[in-house]
């Protein structure tokens, strides 16, 4: 436990030297509002001085020479983004289709993850004839695959989102469904005398099935108002934690109704269902993101008018 805690402690120390960004400063709506006001003030300067410089160039110049303007808008955004938590705002959250689908897609994965975390080691020993050390080594490779998958997910999500906001949910759904294939092969075809193949298959599956985890968090961030983002991520975390407890229990019920191999094959359907739900996000994520930015911009302008 001490060794595992060391990396987290080191990362915590690194945070001491990092400047926390202003909340909401990078919101598209906030930046658009800053651009609009900067352009307006630049136009006034042009008229007064009879300058012939382009509006775009003056916009950049004015923003560079008048940081107070951006600071005022950032502070104004901060006031909007930190409104109190209410039941009404939570109801508003669960009305967002992308949020509901993101939460729902996390639940079915409890079955296969429950199988892996609780029963895979014993299955490899009893049904496939591996030694305790070999079975534990194969299970360890699943964790290695998870680590690689999380890092890969970050890179894939970053570049995919730049291309199309619908790309991350496509990656999520595809990776979950594809992740069933190597695990099905592991459960039904890999024998105990081929530990190398079992490890390779498990690493591949570990990479694929964990790719959606970072992506679902980023999707929630983009489709929720800033004051709702913490709650949306908390709900997904609760669903994941419930799955960690309920998953093994549900798999054990399947084992009592069927044989082990059949029960494990049935549990893999959870990743397929989760993949289909992830793919469904494609139909809603564009409108949900646009709606959030429109609401934020309208709220900022309304509050600004009230202040004046």
C-alpha atoms as a PDB file:
ATOM      1  CA  UNK A   1       0.000   0.000   0.000  1.00  0.00           C
ATOM      2  CA  UNK A   2       2.907   2.358   0.659  1.00  0.00           C
ATOM      3  CA  UNK A   3       4.408   1.732  -2.786  1.00  0.00           C
ATOM      4  CA  UNK A   4       1.073   2.299  -4.521  1.00  0.00           C
ATOM      5  CA  UNK A   5       0.619   5.599  -2.670  1.00  0.00           C
ATOM      6  CA  UNK A   6       4.004   7.036  -3.707  1.00  0.00           C
ATOM      7  CA  UNK A   7       3.048   8.056  -7.314  1.00  0.00           C
ATOM      8  CA  UNK A   8      -0.086   9.794  -6.055  1.00  0.00           C
ATOM      9  CA  UNK A   9       1.906  11.678  -3.453  1.00  0.00           C
ATOM     10  CA  UNK A  10       4.449  12.829  -6.045  1.00  0.00           C
ATOM     11  CA  UNK A  11       1.680  14.041  -8.355  1.00  0.00           C
ATOM     12  CA  UNK A  12       0.122  15.935  -5.454  1.00  0.00           C
ATOM     13  CA  UNK A  13       3.413  17.711  -4.820  1.00  0.00           C
ATOM     14  CA  UNK A  14       3.616  18.709  -8.476  1.00  0.00           C
ATOM     15  CA  UNK A  15       0.298  20.516  -8.111  1.00  0.00           C
ATOM     16  CA  UNK A  16       1.946  22.988  -5.725  1.00  0.00           C
ATOM     17  CA  UNK A  17       3.811  24.536  -8.655  1.00  0.00           C
ATOM     18  CA  UNK A  18       0.868  24.678 -11.047  1.00  0.00           C
ATOM     19  CA  UNK A  19      -1.239  27.811 -11.391  1.00  0.00           C
ATOM     20  CA  UNK A  20      -4.940  27.020 -11.318  1.00  0.00           C
ATOM     21  CA  UNK A  21      -6.705  28.482 -14.375  1.00  0.00           C
ATOM     22  CA  UNK A  22      -9.624  30.846 -13.981  1.00  0.00           C
ATOM     23  CA  UNK A  23     -12.847  28.897 -13.897  1.00  0.00           C
ATOM     24  CA  UNK A  24     -14.775  29.310 -17.138  1.00  0.00           C
ATOM     25  CA  UNK A  25     -12.049  31.286 -18.894  1.00  0.00           C
ATOM     26  CA  UNK A  26     -11.832  28.729 -21.709  1.00  0.00           C
ATOM     27  CA  UNK A  27     -15.569  28.328 -22.235  1.00  0.00           C
ATOM     28  CA  UNK A  28     -16.504  28.935 -25.851  1.00  0.00           C
ATOM     29  CA  UNK A  29     -19.348  31.224 -24.789  1.00  0.00           C
ATOM     30  CA  UNK A  30     -17.070  33.271 -22.525  1.00  0.00           C
ATOM     31  CA  UNK A  31     -14.445  33.626 -25.243  1.00  0.00           C
ATOM     32  CA  UNK A  32     -17.128  34.621 -27.746  1.00  0.00           C
ATOM     33  CA  UNK A  33     -18.444  37.294 -25.394  1.00  0.00           C
ATOM     34  CA  UNK A  34     -14.932  38.623 -24.833  1.00  0.00           C
ATOM     35  CA  UNK A  35     -14.347  38.687 -28.590  1.00  0.00           C
ATOM     36  CA  UNK A  36     -17.605  40.581 -29.179  1.00  0.00           C
ATOM     37  CA  UNK A  37     -16.826  43.267 -26.600  1.00  0.00           C
ATOM     38  CA  UNK A  38     -13.222  43.546 -27.734  1.00  0.00           C
ATOM     39  CA  UNK A  39     -14.366  44.023 -31.326  1.00  0.00           C
ATOM     40  CA  UNK A  40     -16.875  46.664 -30.251  1.00  0.00           C
ATOM     41  CA  UNK A  41     -14.281  48.658 -28.316  1.00  0.00           C
ATOM     42  CA  UNK A  42     -11.778  48.275 -31.164  1.00  0.00           C
ATOM     43  CA  UNK A  43     -14.322  49.686 -33.609  1.00  0.00           C
ATOM     44  CA  UNK A  44     -14.768  52.738 -31.367  1.00  0.00           C
ATOM     45  CA  UNK A  45     -11.026  53.321 -31.344  1.00  0.00           C
ATOM     46  CA  UNK A  46     -10.952  53.077 -35.144  1.00  0.00           C
ATOM     47  CA  UNK A  47     -13.688  55.658 -35.539  1.00  0.00           C
ATOM     48  CA  UNK A  48     -12.074  58.116 -33.131  1.00  0.00           C
ATOM     49  CA  UNK A  49      -8.615  57.864 -34.658  1.00  0.00           C
ATOM     50  CA  UNK A  50      -9.673  57.394 -38.305  1.00  0.00           C
ATOM     51  CA  UNK A  51      -7.533  54.284 -38.542  1.00  0.00           C
ATOM     52  CA  UNK A  52      -7.795  51.899 -41.481  1.00  0.00           C
ATOM     53  CA  UNK A  53      -6.606  48.769 -39.739  1.00  0.00           C
ATOM     54  CA  UNK A  54      -8.737  45.640 -40.062  1.00  0.00           C
ATOM     55  CA  UNK A  55     -11.194  44.800 -37.282  1.00  0.00           C
ATOM     56  CA  UNK A  56      -9.547  41.424 -36.735  1.00  0.00           C
ATOM     57  CA  UNK A  57      -6.129  42.941 -36.180  1.00  0.00           C
ATOM     58  CA  UNK A  58      -7.524  45.583 -33.821  1.00  0.00           C
ATOM     59  CA  UNK A  59      -9.408  42.891 -31.918  1.00  0.00           C
ATOM     60  CA  UNK A  60      -6.189  41.066 -31.217  1.00  0.00           C
ATOM     61  CA  UNK A  61      -4.356  44.307 -30.397  1.00  0.00           C
ATOM     62  CA  UNK A  62      -7.063  45.564 -28.056  1.00  0.00           C
ATOM     63  CA  UNK A  63      -7.282  42.288 -26.174  1.00  0.00           C
ATOM     64  CA  UNK A  64      -3.530  42.281 -25.756  1.00  0.00           C
ATOM     65  CA  UNK A  65      -3.430  45.899 -24.511  1.00  0.00           C
ATOM     66  CA  UNK A  66      -6.573  45.705 -22.357  1.00  0.00           C
ATOM     67  CA  UNK A  67      -6.322  42.619 -20.138  1.00  0.00           C
ATOM     68  CA  UNK A  68      -8.780  44.267 -17.740  1.00  0.00           C
ATOM     69  CA  UNK A  69     -11.570  43.586 -20.234  1.00  0.00           C
ATOM     70  CA  UNK A  70     -10.887  39.867 -20.274  1.00  0.00           C
ATOM     71  CA  UNK A  71     -10.447  39.832 -16.497  1.00  0.00           C
ATOM     72  CA  UNK A  72     -13.857  41.462 -16.022  1.00  0.00           C
ATOM     73  CA  UNK A  73     -15.549  38.887 -18.233  1.00  0.00           C
ATOM     74  CA  UNK A  74     -13.755  36.005 -16.558  1.00  0.00           C
ATOM     75  CA  UNK A  75     -14.839  37.272 -13.135  1.00  0.00           C
ATOM     76  CA  UNK A  76     -18.375  37.680 -14.433  1.00  0.00           C
ATOM     77  CA  UNK A  77     -18.275  34.129 -15.770  1.00  0.00           C
ATOM     78  CA  UNK A  78     -17.032  32.896 -12.417  1.00  0.00           C
ATOM     79  CA  UNK A  79     -20.093  34.365 -10.711  1.00  0.00           C
ATOM     80  CA  UNK A  80     -22.373  32.574 -13.142  1.00  0.00           C
ATOM     81  CA  UNK A  81     -20.536  29.263 -13.020  1.00  0.00           C
ATOM     82  CA  UNK A  82     -20.633  28.976  -9.234  1.00  0.00           C
ATOM     83  CA  UNK A  83     -24.368  29.204  -8.594  1.00  0.00           C
ATOM     84  CA  UNK A  84     -25.890  27.133  -5.814  1.00  0.00           C
ATOM     85  CA  UNK A  85     -26.877  23.488  -6.214  1.00  0.00           C
ATOM     86  CA  UNK A  86     -30.643  22.965  -6.321  1.00  0.00           C
ATOM     87  CA  UNK A  87     -33.053  20.112  -7.049  1.00  0.00           C
ATOM     88  CA  UNK A  88     -34.220  21.971 -10.140  1.00  0.00           C
ATOM     89  CA  UNK A  89     -30.716  22.089 -11.563  1.00  0.00           C
ATOM     90  CA  UNK A  90     -30.342  18.344 -10.938  1.00  0.00           C
ATOM     91  CA  UNK A  91     -33.594  17.721 -12.816  1.00  0.00           C
ATOM     92  CA  UNK A  92     -32.177  19.869 -15.585  1.00  0.00           C
ATOM     93  CA  UNK A  93     -29.109  17.619 -15.650  1.00  0.00           C
ATOM     94  CA  UNK A  94     -30.978  14.336 -16.081  1.00  0.00           C
ATOM     95  CA  UNK A  95     -32.980  15.771 -18.969  1.00  0.00           C
ATOM     96  CA  UNK A  96     -29.847  15.918 -21.128  1.00  0.00           C
ATOM     97  CA  UNK A  97     -29.875  12.847 -23.443  1.00  0.00           C
ATOM     98  CA  UNK A  98     -26.084  12.572 -23.610  1.00  0.00           C
ATOM     99  CA  UNK A  99     -25.817  12.577 -19.807  1.00  0.00           C
ATOM    100  CA  UNK A 100     -28.430   9.834 -19.417  1.00  0.00           C
ATOM    101  CA  UNK A 101     -26.800   7.653 -22.076  1.00  0.00           C
ATOM    102  CA  UNK A 102     -23.338   8.167 -20.577  1.00  0.00           C
ATOM    103  CA  UNK A 103     -24.592   7.076 -17.153  1.00  0.00           C
ATOM    104  CA  UNK A 104     -26.508   4.112 -18.563  1.00  0.00           C
ATOM    105  CA  UNK A 105     -23.606   2.844 -20.654  1.00  0.00           C
ATOM    106  CA  UNK A 106     -21.463   2.522 -17.529  1.00  0.00           C
ATOM    107  CA  UNK A 107     -23.915   0.188 -15.745  1.00  0.00           C
ATOM    108  CA  UNK A 108     -23.902  -2.943 -17.967  1.00  0.00           C
ATOM    109  CA  UNK A 109     -20.107  -3.153 -17.804  1.00  0.00           C
ATOM    110  CA  UNK A 110     -20.482  -4.205 -14.151  1.00  0.00           C
ATOM    111  CA  UNK A 111     -21.119  -7.784 -15.285  1.00  0.00           C
ATOM    112  CA  UNK A 112     -17.921  -8.451 -17.254  1.00  0.00           C
ATOM    113  CA  UNK A 113     -15.777  -6.350 -14.920  1.00  0.00           C
ATOM    114  CA  UNK A 114     -17.197  -8.341 -12.031  1.00  0.00           C
ATOM    115  CA  UNK A 115     -16.212 -11.537 -13.772  1.00  0.00           C
ATOM    116  CA  UNK A 116     -12.672 -10.325 -14.378  1.00  0.00           C
ATOM    117  CA  UNK A 117     -12.013  -8.923 -10.922  1.00  0.00           C
ATOM    118  CA  UNK A 118     -13.532 -11.772  -8.916  1.00  0.00           C
ATOM    119  CA  UNK A 119     -13.738 -14.974 -10.941  1.00  0.00           C
ATOM    120  CA  UNK A 120     -11.149 -14.901 -13.733  1.00  0.00           C
ATOM    121  CA  UNK A 121      -8.234 -16.045 -11.573  1.00  0.00           C
ATOM    122  CA  UNK A 122     -10.152 -19.040 -10.212  1.00  0.00           C
ATOM    123  CA  UNK A 123     -11.575 -19.855 -13.659  1.00  0.00           C
ATOM    124  CA  UNK A 124      -8.132 -20.031 -15.223  1.00  0.00           C
ATOM    125  CA  UNK A 125      -6.943 -22.350 -12.465  1.00  0.00           C
ATOM    126  CA  UNK A 126      -9.946 -24.675 -12.261  1.00  0.00           C
ATOM    127  CA  UNK A 127     -11.179 -24.747 -15.863  1.00  0.00           C
ATOM    128  CA  UNK A 128      -7.957 -24.120 -17.774  1.00  0.00           C
ATOM    129  CA  UNK A 129      -5.444 -25.868 -15.540  1.00  0.00           C
ATOM    130  CA  UNK A 130      -3.114 -22.937 -14.923  1.00  0.00           C
ATOM    131  CA  UNK A 131      -1.089 -22.696 -11.757  1.00  0.00           C
ATOM    132  CA  UNK A 132      -1.932 -20.022  -9.229  1.00  0.00           C
ATOM    133  CA  UNK A 133       1.094 -17.981 -10.300  1.00  0.00           C
ATOM    134  CA  UNK A 134       0.223 -18.255 -14.008  1.00  0.00           C
ATOM    135  CA  UNK A 135      -3.422 -17.279 -13.475  1.00  0.00           C
ATOM    136  CA  UNK A 136      -2.419 -14.327 -11.316  1.00  0.00           C
ATOM    137  CA  UNK A 137       0.083 -13.239 -13.972  1.00  0.00           C
ATOM    138  CA  UNK A 138      -2.615 -13.308 -16.659  1.00  0.00           C
ATOM    139  CA  UNK A 139      -4.917 -11.234 -14.451  1.00  0.00           C
ATOM    140  CA  UNK A 140      -2.066  -8.774 -13.896  1.00  0.00           C
ATOM    141  CA  UNK A 141      -1.754  -8.246 -17.637  1.00  0.00           C
ATOM    142  CA  UNK A 142      -5.356  -7.041 -17.674  1.00  0.00           C
ATOM    143  CA  UNK A 143      -4.286  -4.217 -15.345  1.00  0.00           C
ATOM    144  CA  UNK A 144      -1.354  -3.443 -17.617  1.00  0.00           C
ATOM    145  CA  UNK A 145      -3.775  -3.211 -20.532  1.00  0.00           C
ATOM    146  CA  UNK A 146      -5.976  -0.867 -18.518  1.00  0.00           C
ATOM    147  CA  UNK A 147      -3.030   1.461 -17.881  1.00  0.00           C
ATOM    148  CA  UNK A 148      -2.139   1.531 -21.573  1.00  0.00           C
ATOM    149  CA  UNK A 149      -5.790   2.004 -22.524  1.00  0.00           C
ATOM    150  CA  UNK A 150      -6.246   5.057 -20.302  1.00  0.00           C
ATOM    151  CA  UNK A 151      -3.211   6.785 -21.829  1.00  0.00           C
ATOM    152  CA  UNK A 152      -4.240   5.802 -25.354  1.00  0.00           C
ATOM    153  CA  UNK A 153      -7.766   7.037 -24.678  1.00  0.00           C
ATOM    154  CA  UNK A 154      -6.441  10.472 -23.757  1.00  0.00           C
ATOM    155  CA  UNK A 155      -4.553  10.832 -27.025  1.00  0.00           C
ATOM    156  CA  UNK A 156      -7.359   9.380 -29.151  1.00  0.00           C
ATOM    157  CA  UNK A 157      -9.991  11.543 -27.508  1.00  0.00           C
ATOM    158  CA  UNK A 158      -7.930  14.705 -27.911  1.00  0.00           C
ATOM    159  CA  UNK A 159      -7.342  14.297 -31.630  1.00  0.00           C
ATOM    160  CA  UNK A 160     -10.756  12.778 -32.382  1.00  0.00           C
ATOM    161  CA  UNK A 161     -12.630  15.626 -30.696  1.00  0.00           C
ATOM    162  CA  UNK A 162     -10.764  18.158 -32.832  1.00  0.00           C
ATOM    163  CA  UNK A 163     -12.026  16.375 -35.938  1.00  0.00           C
ATOM    164  CA  UNK A 164     -15.621  15.824 -34.865  1.00  0.00           C
ATOM    165  CA  UNK A 165     -17.426  16.031 -31.518  1.00  0.00           C
ATOM    166  CA  UNK A 166     -19.155  12.746 -32.421  1.00  0.00           C
ATOM    167  CA  UNK A 167     -15.876  10.866 -32.720  1.00  0.00           C
ATOM    168  CA  UNK A 168     -15.293  10.187 -28.968  1.00  0.00           C
ATOM    169  CA  UNK A 169     -18.604   8.325 -28.464  1.00  0.00           C
ATOM    170  CA  UNK A 170     -17.886   6.376 -31.645  1.00  0.00           C
ATOM    171  CA  UNK A 171     -14.544   5.339 -30.177  1.00  0.00           C
ATOM    172  CA  UNK A 172     -16.203   4.452 -26.869  1.00  0.00           C
ATOM    173  CA  UNK A 173     -18.822   2.189 -28.389  1.00  0.00           C
ATOM    174  CA  UNK A 174     -16.499   0.532 -30.853  1.00  0.00           C
ATOM    175  CA  UNK A 175     -13.804  -0.220 -28.278  1.00  0.00           C
ATOM    176  CA  UNK A 176     -16.283  -1.731 -25.808  1.00  0.00           C
ATOM    177  CA  UNK A 177     -17.797  -4.043 -28.403  1.00  0.00           C
ATOM    178  CA  UNK A 178     -14.411  -5.055 -29.794  1.00  0.00           C
ATOM    179  CA  UNK A 179     -13.177  -5.722 -26.263  1.00  0.00           C
ATOM    180  CA  UNK A 180     -15.603  -8.652 -26.014  1.00  0.00           C
ATOM    181  CA  UNK A 181     -13.842 -10.551 -28.798  1.00  0.00           C
ATOM    182  CA  UNK A 182     -10.484 -11.264 -27.100  1.00  0.00           C
ATOM    183  CA  UNK A 183     -12.200 -12.082 -23.804  1.00  0.00           C
ATOM    184  CA  UNK A 184     -14.570 -14.500 -25.510  1.00  0.00           C
ATOM    185  CA  UNK A 185     -11.542 -16.130 -27.070  1.00  0.00           C
ATOM    186  CA  UNK A 186      -9.841 -16.292 -23.665  1.00  0.00           C
ATOM    187  CA  UNK A 187     -12.821 -17.932 -21.970  1.00  0.00           C
ATOM    188  CA  UNK A 188     -13.617 -20.434 -24.699  1.00  0.00           C
ATOM    189  CA  UNK A 189     -10.427 -21.249 -26.612  1.00  0.00           C
ATOM    190  CA  UNK A 190      -7.228 -20.492 -24.705  1.00  0.00           C
ATOM    191  CA  UNK A 191      -5.799 -23.505 -22.846  1.00  0.00           C
ATOM    192  CA  UNK A 192      -3.738 -23.510 -19.685  1.00  0.00           C
ATOM    193  CA  UNK A 193      -0.536 -24.545 -21.433  1.00  0.00           C
ATOM    194  CA  UNK A 194      -0.492 -21.324 -23.489  1.00  0.00           C
ATOM    195  CA  UNK A 195       0.035 -18.634 -20.881  1.00  0.00           C
ATOM    196  CA  UNK A 196       1.690 -16.278 -23.366  1.00  0.00           C
ATOM    197  CA  UNK A 197      -1.344 -16.260 -25.653  1.00  0.00           C
ATOM    198  CA  UNK A 198      -3.672 -15.826 -22.694  1.00  0.00           C
ATOM    199  CA  UNK A 199      -1.647 -12.843 -21.493  1.00  0.00           C
ATOM    200  CA  UNK A 200      -1.584 -11.210 -24.927  1.00  0.00           C
ATOM    201  CA  UNK A 201      -5.339 -11.629 -25.333  1.00  0.00           C
ATOM    202  CA  UNK A 202      -5.994 -10.244 -21.865  1.00  0.00           C
ATOM    203  CA  UNK A 203      -3.787  -7.181 -22.461  1.00  0.00           C
ATOM    204  CA  UNK A 204      -5.643  -6.439 -25.696  1.00  0.00           C
ATOM    205  CA  UNK A 205      -9.018  -6.715 -24.024  1.00  0.00           C
ATOM    206  CA  UNK A 206      -7.824  -4.611 -21.075  1.00  0.00           C
ATOM    207  CA  UNK A 207      -6.825  -1.829 -23.464  1.00  0.00           C
ATOM    208  CA  UNK A 208     -10.096  -1.847 -25.389  1.00  0.00           C
ATOM    209  CA  UNK A 209     -12.596  -1.995 -22.537  1.00  0.00           C
ATOM    210  CA  UNK A 210     -11.029   0.846 -20.522  1.00  0.00           C
ATOM    211  CA  UNK A 211     -10.795   3.368 -23.382  1.00  0.00           C
ATOM    212  CA  UNK A 212     -14.345   4.705 -22.730  1.00  0.00           C
ATOM    213  CA  UNK A 213     -13.599   5.667 -19.103  1.00  0.00           C
ATOM    214  CA  UNK A 214     -11.652   8.928 -19.731  1.00  0.00           C
ATOM    215  CA  UNK A 215     -13.790   9.751 -22.768  1.00  0.00           C
ATOM    216  CA  UNK A 216     -17.077   9.581 -20.885  1.00  0.00           C
ATOM    217  CA  UNK A 217     -15.783  12.156 -18.400  1.00  0.00           C
ATOM    218  CA  UNK A 218     -14.783  14.567 -21.151  1.00  0.00           C
ATOM    219  CA  UNK A 219     -18.122  14.131 -22.912  1.00  0.00           C
ATOM    220  CA  UNK A 220     -19.988  14.959 -19.698  1.00  0.00           C
ATOM    221  CA  UNK A 221     -17.872  18.085 -19.264  1.00  0.00           C
ATOM    222  CA  UNK A 222     -18.793  19.335 -22.718  1.00  0.00           C
ATOM    223  CA  UNK A 223     -22.561  18.769 -22.525  1.00  0.00           C
ATOM    224  CA  UNK A 224     -23.193  20.130 -19.011  1.00  0.00           C
ATOM    225  CA  UNK A 225     -23.257  23.651 -17.693  1.00  0.00           C
ATOM    226  CA  UNK A 226     -20.177  24.256 -15.528  1.00  0.00           C
ATOM    227  CA  UNK A 227     -22.184  24.195 -12.291  1.00  0.00           C
ATOM    228  CA  UNK A 228     -23.556  20.746 -13.222  1.00  0.00           C
ATOM    229  CA  UNK A 229     -20.341  19.063 -14.289  1.00  0.00           C
ATOM    230  CA  UNK A 230     -19.261  17.931 -10.853  1.00  0.00           C
ATOM    231  CA  UNK A 231     -22.636  16.334 -10.227  1.00  0.00           C
ATOM    232  CA  UNK A 232     -22.718  14.531 -13.569  1.00  0.00           C
ATOM    233  CA  UNK A 233     -19.294  13.014 -12.954  1.00  0.00           C
ATOM    234  CA  UNK A 234     -20.306  12.104  -9.408  1.00  0.00           C
ATOM    235  CA  UNK A 235     -23.336  10.192 -10.699  1.00  0.00           C
ATOM    236  CA  UNK A 236     -21.147   8.212 -13.094  1.00  0.00           C
ATOM    237  CA  UNK A 237     -18.719   7.447 -10.251  1.00  0.00           C
ATOM    238  CA  UNK A 238     -21.626   6.196  -8.131  1.00  0.00           C
ATOM    239  CA  UNK A 239     -22.772   3.969 -10.994  1.00  0.00           C
ATOM    240  CA  UNK A 240     -19.235   2.586 -11.314  1.00  0.00           C
ATOM    241  CA  UNK A 241     -18.958   1.936  -7.565  1.00  0.00           C
ATOM    242  CA  UNK A 242     -22.332   0.200  -7.471  1.00  0.00           C
ATOM    243  CA  UNK A 243     -21.197  -1.913 -10.387  1.00  0.00           C
ATOM    244  CA  UNK A 244     -18.082  -3.008  -8.524  1.00  0.00           C
ATOM    245  CA  UNK A 245     -20.289  -4.460  -5.816  1.00  0.00           C
ATOM    246  CA  UNK A 246     -23.250  -5.670  -7.840  1.00  0.00           C
ATOM    247  CA  UNK A 247     -21.224  -7.061 -10.761  1.00  0.00           C
ATOM    248  CA  UNK A 248     -19.674 -10.031  -8.922  1.00  0.00           C
ATOM    249  CA  UNK A 249     -23.002 -10.727  -7.187  1.00  0.00           C
ATOM    250  CA  UNK A 250     -24.863 -10.868 -10.495  1.00  0.00           C
ATOM    251  CA  UNK A 251     -22.193 -13.075 -12.062  1.00  0.00           C
ATOM    252  CA  UNK A 252     -22.424 -15.459  -9.098  1.00  0.00           C
ATOM    253  CA  UNK A 253     -26.172 -15.727  -9.713  1.00  0.00           C
ATOM    254  CA  UNK A 254     -25.464 -16.615 -13.337  1.00  0.00           C
ATOM    255  CA  UNK A 255     -22.984 -19.262 -12.212  1.00  0.00           C
ATOM    256  CA  UNK A 256     -25.618 -20.891 -10.004  1.00  0.00           C
ATOM    257  CA  UNK A 257     -28.040 -20.992 -12.958  1.00  0.00           C
ATOM    258  CA  UNK A 258     -25.530 -22.095 -15.625  1.00  0.00           C
ATOM    259  CA  UNK A 259     -22.044 -23.503 -15.740  1.00  0.00           C
ATOM    260  CA  UNK A 260     -19.101 -21.134 -15.286  1.00  0.00           C
ATOM    261  CA  UNK A 261     -18.176 -20.821 -18.926  1.00  0.00           C
ATOM    262  CA  UNK A 262     -21.739 -20.037 -20.008  1.00  0.00           C
ATOM    263  CA  UNK A 263     -22.127 -17.511 -17.188  1.00  0.00           C
ATOM    264  CA  UNK A 264     -18.947 -15.722 -18.228  1.00  0.00           C
ATOM    265  CA  UNK A 265     -20.028 -15.654 -21.865  1.00  0.00           C
ATOM    266  CA  UNK A 266     -23.370 -14.127 -20.850  1.00  0.00           C
ATOM    267  CA  UNK A 267     -21.625 -11.497 -18.744  1.00  0.00           C
ATOM    268  CA  UNK A 268     -19.758 -10.249 -21.827  1.00  0.00           C
ATOM    269  CA  UNK A 269     -23.099  -9.027 -23.199  1.00  0.00           C
ATOM    270  CA  UNK A 270     -22.749  -6.163 -20.714  1.00  0.00           C
ATOM    271  CA  UNK A 271     -19.947  -4.641 -22.768  1.00  0.00           C
ATOM    272  CA  UNK A 272     -21.989  -5.020 -25.948  1.00  0.00           C
ATOM    273  CA  UNK A 273     -24.970  -3.235 -24.394  1.00  0.00           C
ATOM    274  CA  UNK A 274     -22.681  -0.514 -23.057  1.00  0.00           C
ATOM    275  CA  UNK A 275     -21.120  -0.149 -26.498  1.00  0.00           C
ATOM    276  CA  UNK A 276     -24.501   0.266 -28.186  1.00  0.00           C
ATOM    277  CA  UNK A 277     -25.524   2.910 -25.644  1.00  0.00           C
ATOM    278  CA  UNK A 278     -22.220   4.716 -26.212  1.00  0.00           C
ATOM    279  CA  UNK A 279     -22.774   4.721 -29.963  1.00  0.00           C
ATOM    280  CA  UNK A 280     -26.238   6.212 -29.386  1.00  0.00           C
ATOM    281  CA  UNK A 281     -24.591   9.320 -27.901  1.00  0.00           C
ATOM    282  CA  UNK A 282     -23.566  10.251 -31.449  1.00  0.00           C
ATOM    283  CA  UNK A 283     -27.141  11.315 -32.226  1.00  0.00           C
ATOM    284  CA  UNK A 284     -27.361  13.814 -29.352  1.00  0.00           C
ATOM    285  CA  UNK A 285     -23.910  15.113 -28.443  1.00  0.00           C
ATOM    286  CA  UNK A 286     -23.704  17.869 -31.089  1.00  0.00           C
ATOM    287  CA  UNK A 287     -27.002  19.479 -30.095  1.00  0.00           C
ATOM    288  CA  UNK A 288     -26.303  19.059 -26.387  1.00  0.00           C
ATOM    289  CA  UNK A 289     -22.935  20.808 -26.657  1.00  0.00           C
ATOM    290  CA  UNK A 290     -24.380  23.659 -28.717  1.00  0.00           C
ATOM    291  CA  UNK A 291     -27.266  24.073 -26.259  1.00  0.00           C
ATOM    292  CA  UNK A 292     -24.877  24.422 -23.302  1.00  0.00           C
ATOM    293  CA  UNK A 293     -22.861  27.180 -24.973  1.00  0.00           C
ATOM    294  CA  UNK A 294     -26.018  29.000 -26.044  1.00  0.00           C
ATOM    295  CA  UNK A 295     -27.416  28.860 -22.511  1.00  0.00           C
ATOM    296  CA  UNK A 296     -24.167  30.070 -21.009  1.00  0.00           C
ATOM    297  CA  UNK A 297     -23.854  32.955 -23.467  1.00  0.00           C
ATOM    298  CA  UNK A 298     -27.472  34.005 -23.000  1.00  0.00           C
ATOM    299  CA  UNK A 299     -27.116  33.866 -19.215  1.00  0.00           C
ATOM    300  CA  UNK A 300     -23.956  35.964 -19.266  1.00  0.00           C
ATOM    301  CA  UNK A 301     -25.558  38.636 -21.451  1.00  0.00           C
ATOM    302  CA  UNK A 302     -28.726  38.694 -19.353  1.00  0.00           C
ATOM    303  CA  UNK A 303     -26.774  39.137 -16.131  1.00  0.00           C
ATOM    304  CA  UNK A 304     -24.582  41.781 -17.759  1.00  0.00           C
ATOM    305  CA  UNK A 305     -27.675  43.745 -18.812  1.00  0.00           C
ATOM    306  CA  UNK A 306     -29.104  43.473 -15.294  1.00  0.00           C
ATOM    307  CA  UNK A 307     -25.852  44.844 -13.853  1.00  0.00           C
ATOM    308  CA  UNK A 308     -26.026  47.864 -16.118  1.00  0.00           C
END
